[in-house]
Amino acid sequence: MSNRKEHDWVVGELELYITNDYDIYKEFLEPAYKACEKSSDKGTFNYSLALRLFKSIVNYGSNKYKRELDKSIKATMKAQTQVALNLLNDWEREYKLGNRYSSSNWK
């Protein structure tokens, strides 16, 4: 597998794992989404801090993936950063569309 294909596969695999793992979602993603929403509502949202938050979540998810499923996965820092960017951009897109996490339709 070429490096680019492997990178894309790792990014997709980690993103799916992190967004579908109940424990990661409830313990990390849900509070992160709420924090981003709260800071955006206040007008104090800082993209670089939010990205750092999502990077730490992805790092945790990557380590959990390696422990539970596949120790041989090569989740480089570049791949982890891409997953964090994807998660943050997905949240930001939903926020701009008016879909608030705190509303009852997201729970």
N, C-alpha and C. Protein backbone atom coordinates (compact mmCIF):
# COMPACT_ATOMS: atom_id res chain seq x y z
N MET A 1 0.85 -1.17 0.00
CA MET A 1 0.00 0.00 0.00
C MET A 1 0.89 1.23 0.00
N SER A 2 0.56 2.21 -0.84
CA SER A 2 1.38 3.42 -0.90
C SER A 2 1.18 4.26 0.36
N ASN A 3 2.13 5.13 0.61
CA ASN A 3 2.07 5.97 1.81
C ASN A 3 0.81 6.81 1.85
N ARG A 4 0.41 7.37 0.71
CA ARG A 4 -0.78 8.22 0.67
C ARG A 4 -2.05 7.42 0.95
N LYS A 5 -2.14 6.23 0.34
CA LYS A 5 -3.30 5.37 0.58
C LYS A 5 -3.34 4.92 2.03
N GLU A 6 -2.18 4.57 2.57
CA GLU A 6 -2.12 4.14 3.96
C GLU A 6 -2.52 5.28 4.89
N HIS A 7 -2.03 6.49 4.60
CA HIS A 7 -2.39 7.66 5.40
C HIS A 7 -3.91 7.88 5.36
N ASP A 8 -4.49 7.84 4.18
CA ASP A 8 -5.94 8.04 4.05
C ASP A 8 -6.72 6.95 4.78
N TRP A 9 -6.23 5.71 4.70
CA TRP A 9 -6.89 4.61 5.39
C TRP A 9 -6.84 4.81 6.90
N VAL A 10 -5.68 5.18 7.42
CA VAL A 10 -5.52 5.39 8.86
C VAL A 10 -6.43 6.53 9.33
N VAL A 11 -6.47 7.61 8.57
CA VAL A 11 -7.32 8.75 8.93
C VAL A 11 -8.78 8.31 8.99
N GLY A 12 -9.24 7.62 7.98
CA GLY A 12 -10.62 7.16 7.95
C GLY A 12 -10.94 6.18 9.06
N GLU A 13 -10.03 5.24 9.29
CA GLU A 13 -10.22 4.22 10.32
C GLU A 13 -10.28 4.85 11.71
N LEU A 14 -9.35 5.76 12.01
CA LEU A 14 -9.35 6.41 13.32
C LEU A 14 -10.58 7.28 13.52
N GLU A 15 -10.95 8.01 12.49
CA GLU A 15 -12.11 8.89 12.61
C GLU A 15 -13.37 8.07 12.89
N LEU A 16 -13.55 6.99 12.17
CA LEU A 16 -14.71 6.12 12.40
C LEU A 16 -14.67 5.52 13.80
N TYR A 17 -13.51 5.05 14.21
CA TYR A 17 -13.39 4.43 15.53
C TYR A 17 -13.71 5.44 16.63
N ILE A 18 -13.13 6.62 16.55
CA ILE A 18 -13.29 7.62 17.60
C ILE A 18 -14.74 8.11 17.68
N THR A 19 -15.37 8.33 16.55
CA THR A 19 -16.74 8.84 16.58
C THR A 19 -17.76 7.77 16.94
N ASN A 20 -17.40 6.49 16.81
CA ASN A 20 -18.35 5.42 17.10
C ASN A 20 -18.08 4.69 18.41
N ASP A 21 -16.99 4.99 19.08
CA ASP A 21 -16.71 4.37 20.37
C ASP A 21 -17.49 5.13 21.45
N TYR A 22 -18.38 4.42 22.13
CA TYR A 22 -19.27 5.06 23.10
C TYR A 22 -18.50 5.78 24.21
N ASP A 23 -17.49 5.12 24.76
CA ASP A 23 -16.74 5.71 25.87
C ASP A 23 -16.01 6.99 25.44
N ILE A 24 -15.36 6.95 24.30
CA ILE A 24 -14.66 8.15 23.81
C ILE A 24 -15.67 9.26 23.55
N TYR A 25 -16.79 8.90 22.94
CA TYR A 25 -17.80 9.91 22.62
C TYR A 25 -18.33 10.57 23.89
N LYS A 26 -18.74 9.77 24.86
CA LYS A 26 -19.34 10.31 26.08
C LYS A 26 -18.34 11.03 26.97
N GLU A 27 -17.13 10.50 27.07
CA GLU A 27 -16.14 11.07 27.98
C GLU A 27 -15.37 12.25 27.39
N PHE A 28 -15.20 12.26 26.06
CA PHE A 28 -14.33 13.26 25.46
C PHE A 28 -15.00 14.12 24.39
N LEU A 29 -15.62 13.48 23.40
CA LEU A 29 -16.18 14.27 22.30
C LEU A 29 -17.37 15.12 22.73
N GLU A 30 -18.28 14.54 23.49
CA GLU A 30 -19.45 15.29 23.93
C GLU A 30 -19.06 16.54 24.72
N PRO A 31 -18.20 16.42 25.74
CA PRO A 31 -17.77 17.64 26.46
C PRO A 31 -17.02 18.63 25.56
N ALA A 32 -16.24 18.11 24.60
CA ALA A 32 -15.51 19.01 23.70
C ALA A 32 -16.47 19.78 22.81
N TYR A 33 -17.48 19.09 22.28
CA TYR A 33 -18.49 19.77 21.46
C TYR A 33 -19.21 20.84 22.27
N LYS A 34 -19.57 20.51 23.50
CA LYS A 34 -20.28 21.47 24.35
C LYS A 34 -19.38 22.67 24.68
N ALA A 35 -18.11 22.42 24.94
CA ALA A 35 -17.18 23.52 25.26
C ALA A 35 -17.00 24.43 24.05
N CYS A 36 -16.86 23.84 22.87
CA CYS A 36 -16.72 24.65 21.65
C CYS A 36 -17.97 25.47 21.40
N GLU A 37 -19.12 24.86 21.61
CA GLU A 37 -20.38 25.57 21.42
C GLU A 37 -20.51 26.73 22.40
N LYS A 38 -20.17 26.46 23.64
CA LYS A 38 -20.28 27.49 24.68
C LYS A 38 -19.35 28.67 24.38
N SER A 39 -18.11 28.38 24.00
CA SER A 39 -17.17 29.46 23.71
C SER A 39 -17.58 30.21 22.44
N SER A 40 -18.14 29.51 21.47
CA SER A 40 -18.61 30.18 20.25
C SER A 40 -19.79 31.10 20.55
N ASP A 41 -20.68 30.63 21.40
CA ASP A 41 -21.83 31.46 21.77
C ASP A 41 -21.39 32.72 22.51
N LYS A 42 -20.33 32.59 23.30
CA LYS A 42 -19.81 33.75 24.04
C LYS A 42 -18.96 34.67 23.16
N GLY A 43 -18.52 34.15 22.02
CA GLY A 43 -17.65 34.92 21.14
C GLY A 43 -16.18 34.81 21.50
N THR A 44 -15.83 33.79 22.27
CA THR A 44 -14.44 33.61 22.70
C THR A 44 -13.81 32.36 22.11
N PHE A 45 -14.40 31.81 21.06
CA PHE A 45 -13.89 30.58 20.45
C PHE A 45 -12.51 30.80 19.86
N ASN A 46 -11.59 29.91 20.20
CA ASN A 46 -10.22 29.97 19.70
C ASN A 46 -9.95 28.68 18.94
N TYR A 47 -9.80 28.79 17.62
CA TYR A 47 -9.65 27.62 16.77
C TYR A 47 -8.43 26.79 17.15
N SER A 48 -7.32 27.45 17.42
CA SER A 48 -6.09 26.70 17.72
C SER A 48 -6.21 25.94 19.05
N LEU A 49 -6.89 26.51 20.04
CA LEU A 49 -7.09 25.79 21.30
C LEU A 49 -8.04 24.62 21.10
N ALA A 50 -9.07 24.84 20.31
CA ALA A 50 -10.01 23.75 20.02
C ALA A 50 -9.31 22.62 19.28
N LEU A 51 -8.45 22.97 18.34
CA LEU A 51 -7.71 21.95 17.61
C LEU A 51 -6.80 21.16 18.55
N ARG A 52 -6.18 21.84 19.49
CA ARG A 52 -5.34 21.16 20.47
C ARG A 52 -6.16 20.19 21.32
N LEU A 53 -7.37 20.61 21.68
CA LEU A 53 -8.27 19.74 22.44
C LEU A 53 -8.62 18.49 21.63
N PHE A 54 -8.98 18.68 20.37
CA PHE A 54 -9.33 17.55 19.53
C PHE A 54 -8.13 16.65 19.24
N LYS A 55 -6.94 17.23 19.16
CA LYS A 55 -5.74 16.42 18.97
C LYS A 55 -5.52 15.50 20.16
N SER A 56 -5.76 15.99 21.36
CA SER A 56 -5.58 15.14 22.55
C SER A 56 -6.61 14.02 22.56
N ILE A 57 -7.83 14.30 22.11
CA ILE A 57 -8.86 13.26 22.03
C ILE A 57 -8.45 12.20 21.00
N VAL A 58 -7.97 12.65 19.87
CA VAL A 58 -7.55 11.72 18.82
C VAL A 58 -6.35 10.89 19.28
N ASN A 59 -5.44 11.48 19.99
CA ASN A 59 -4.29 10.74 20.53
C ASN A 59 -4.78 9.64 21.46
N TYR A 60 -5.71 9.97 22.34
CA TYR A 60 -6.28 8.96 23.24
C TYR A 60 -6.97 7.86 22.44
N GLY A 61 -7.78 8.27 21.46
CA GLY A 61 -8.49 7.30 20.63
C GLY A 61 -7.55 6.40 19.85
N SER A 62 -6.46 6.97 19.35
CA SER A 62 -5.46 6.21 18.61
C SER A 62 -4.82 5.15 19.50
N ASN A 63 -4.47 5.53 20.71
CA ASN A 63 -3.87 4.58 21.65
C ASN A 63 -4.85 3.48 22.04
N LYS A 64 -6.12 3.85 22.22
CA LYS A 64 -7.14 2.86 22.56
C LYS A 64 -7.35 1.90 21.39
N TYR A 65 -7.34 2.43 20.18
CA TYR A 65 -7.47 1.59 18.98
C TYR A 65 -6.33 0.57 18.92
N LYS A 66 -5.12 1.05 19.17
CA LYS A 66 -3.96 0.15 19.14
C LYS A 66 -4.07 -0.93 20.20
N ARG A 67 -4.53 -0.57 21.40
CA ARG A 67 -4.67 -1.55 22.48
C ARG A 67 -5.74 -2.59 22.16
N GLU A 68 -6.87 -2.14 21.62
CA GLU A 68 -8.01 -3.04 21.46
C GLU A 68 -8.04 -3.78 20.13
N LEU A 69 -7.57 -3.16 19.05
CA LEU A 69 -7.80 -3.75 17.73
C LEU A 69 -6.54 -4.09 16.95
N ASP A 70 -5.65 -3.15 16.80
CA ASP A 70 -4.54 -3.37 15.87
C ASP A 70 -3.30 -2.64 16.33
N LYS A 71 -2.39 -3.39 16.92
CA LYS A 71 -1.15 -2.77 17.42
C LYS A 71 -0.23 -2.31 16.30
N SER A 72 -0.45 -2.80 15.09
CA SER A 72 0.46 -2.48 13.99
C SER A 72 0.07 -1.21 13.23
N ILE A 73 -1.04 -0.58 13.59
CA ILE A 73 -1.46 0.63 12.87
C ILE A 73 -0.42 1.73 13.07
N LYS A 74 -0.11 2.44 12.00
CA LYS A 74 0.87 3.52 12.06
C LYS A 74 0.14 4.86 12.01
N ALA A 75 -0.34 5.28 13.16
CA ALA A 75 -1.05 6.55 13.26
C ALA A 75 -0.03 7.66 13.49
N THR A 76 0.48 8.21 12.41
CA THR A 76 1.48 9.27 12.51
C THR A 76 0.83 10.54 13.08
N MET A 77 1.68 11.46 13.48
CA MET A 77 1.17 12.74 13.98
C MET A 77 0.38 13.46 12.90
N LYS A 78 0.83 13.34 11.66
CA LYS A 78 0.13 13.96 10.54
C LYS A 78 -1.28 13.38 10.39
N ALA A 79 -1.40 12.06 10.51
CA ALA A 79 -2.71 11.41 10.41
C ALA A 79 -3.61 11.81 11.57
N GLN A 80 -3.04 11.86 12.77
CA GLN A 80 -3.82 12.25 13.94
C GLN A 80 -4.29 13.70 13.83
N THR A 81 -3.43 14.56 13.33
CA THR A 81 -3.81 15.96 13.15
C THR A 81 -4.94 16.08 12.12
N GLN A 82 -4.87 15.29 11.05
CA GLN A 82 -5.92 15.31 10.04
C GLN A 82 -7.26 14.86 10.62
N VAL A 83 -7.24 13.84 11.47
CA VAL A 83 -8.47 13.37 12.11
C VAL A 83 -9.03 14.48 13.01
N ALA A 84 -8.16 15.12 13.78
CA ALA A 84 -8.60 16.21 14.66
C ALA A 84 -9.20 17.35 13.84
N LEU A 85 -8.56 17.70 12.74
CA LEU A 85 -9.10 18.74 11.87
C LEU A 85 -10.47 18.34 11.32
N ASN A 86 -10.61 17.10 10.91
CA ASN A 86 -11.89 16.62 10.40
C ASN A 86 -12.99 16.72 11.45
N LEU A 87 -12.68 16.29 12.68
CA LEU A 87 -13.67 16.34 13.75
C LEU A 87 -14.06 17.78 14.07
N LEU A 88 -13.06 18.64 14.16
CA LEU A 88 -13.34 20.05 14.46
C LEU A 88 -14.11 20.72 13.34
N ASN A 89 -13.73 20.44 12.11
CA ASN A 89 -14.44 21.05 10.98
C ASN A 89 -15.87 20.52 10.86
N ASP A 90 -16.08 19.25 11.19
CA ASP A 90 -17.44 18.70 11.19
C ASP A 90 -18.30 19.42 12.22
N TRP A 91 -17.74 19.61 13.42
CA TRP A 91 -18.48 20.33 14.46
C TRP A 91 -18.77 21.77 14.00
N GLU A 92 -17.77 22.42 13.46
CA GLU A 92 -17.92 23.82 13.04
C GLU A 92 -18.98 23.96 11.95
N ARG A 93 -19.00 23.03 11.01
CA ARG A 93 -20.00 23.06 9.94
C ARG A 93 -21.41 22.91 10.52
N GLU A 94 -21.58 21.99 11.45
CA GLU A 94 -22.89 21.79 12.08
C GLU A 94 -23.29 23.02 12.89
N TYR A 95 -22.33 23.62 13.57
CA TYR A 95 -22.61 24.82 14.37
C TYR A 95 -23.08 25.96 13.48
N LYS A 96 -22.42 26.15 12.36
CA LYS A 96 -22.79 27.23 11.43
C LYS A 96 -24.15 26.99 10.79
N LEU A 97 -24.53 25.71 10.67
CA LEU A 97 -25.84 25.38 10.12
C LEU A 97 -26.95 25.56 11.15
N GLY A 98 -26.57 25.83 12.39
CA GLY A 98 -27.55 26.05 13.44
C GLY A 98 -27.86 24.82 14.26
N ASN A 99 -27.14 23.76 14.04
CA ASN A 99 -27.34 22.54 14.81
C ASN A 99 -26.53 22.62 16.09
N ARG A 100 -27.21 22.89 17.19
CA ARG A 100 -26.53 23.06 18.47
C ARG A 100 -26.52 21.74 19.22
N TYR A 101 -25.40 21.45 19.84
CA TYR A 101 -25.28 20.20 20.57
C TYR A 101 -26.20 20.18 21.77
N SER A 102 -26.39 21.31 22.39
CA SER A 102 -27.19 21.34 23.61
C SER A 102 -28.68 21.19 23.33
N SER A 103 -29.10 21.29 22.06
CA SER A 103 -30.50 21.10 21.75
C SER A 103 -30.87 19.62 21.85
N SER A 104 -32.12 19.33 22.07
CA SER A 104 -32.55 17.98 22.36
C SER A 104 -32.37 17.02 21.17
N ASN A 105 -32.31 17.52 19.95
CA ASN A 105 -32.23 16.61 18.81
C ASN A 105 -30.84 15.99 18.65
N TRP A 106 -29.83 16.41 19.38
CA TRP A 106 -28.49 15.82 19.29
C TRP A 106 -28.27 14.76 20.36
N LYS A 107 -29.13 14.68 21.34
CA LYS A 107 -28.89 13.79 22.49
C LYS A 107 -29.35 12.40 22.22
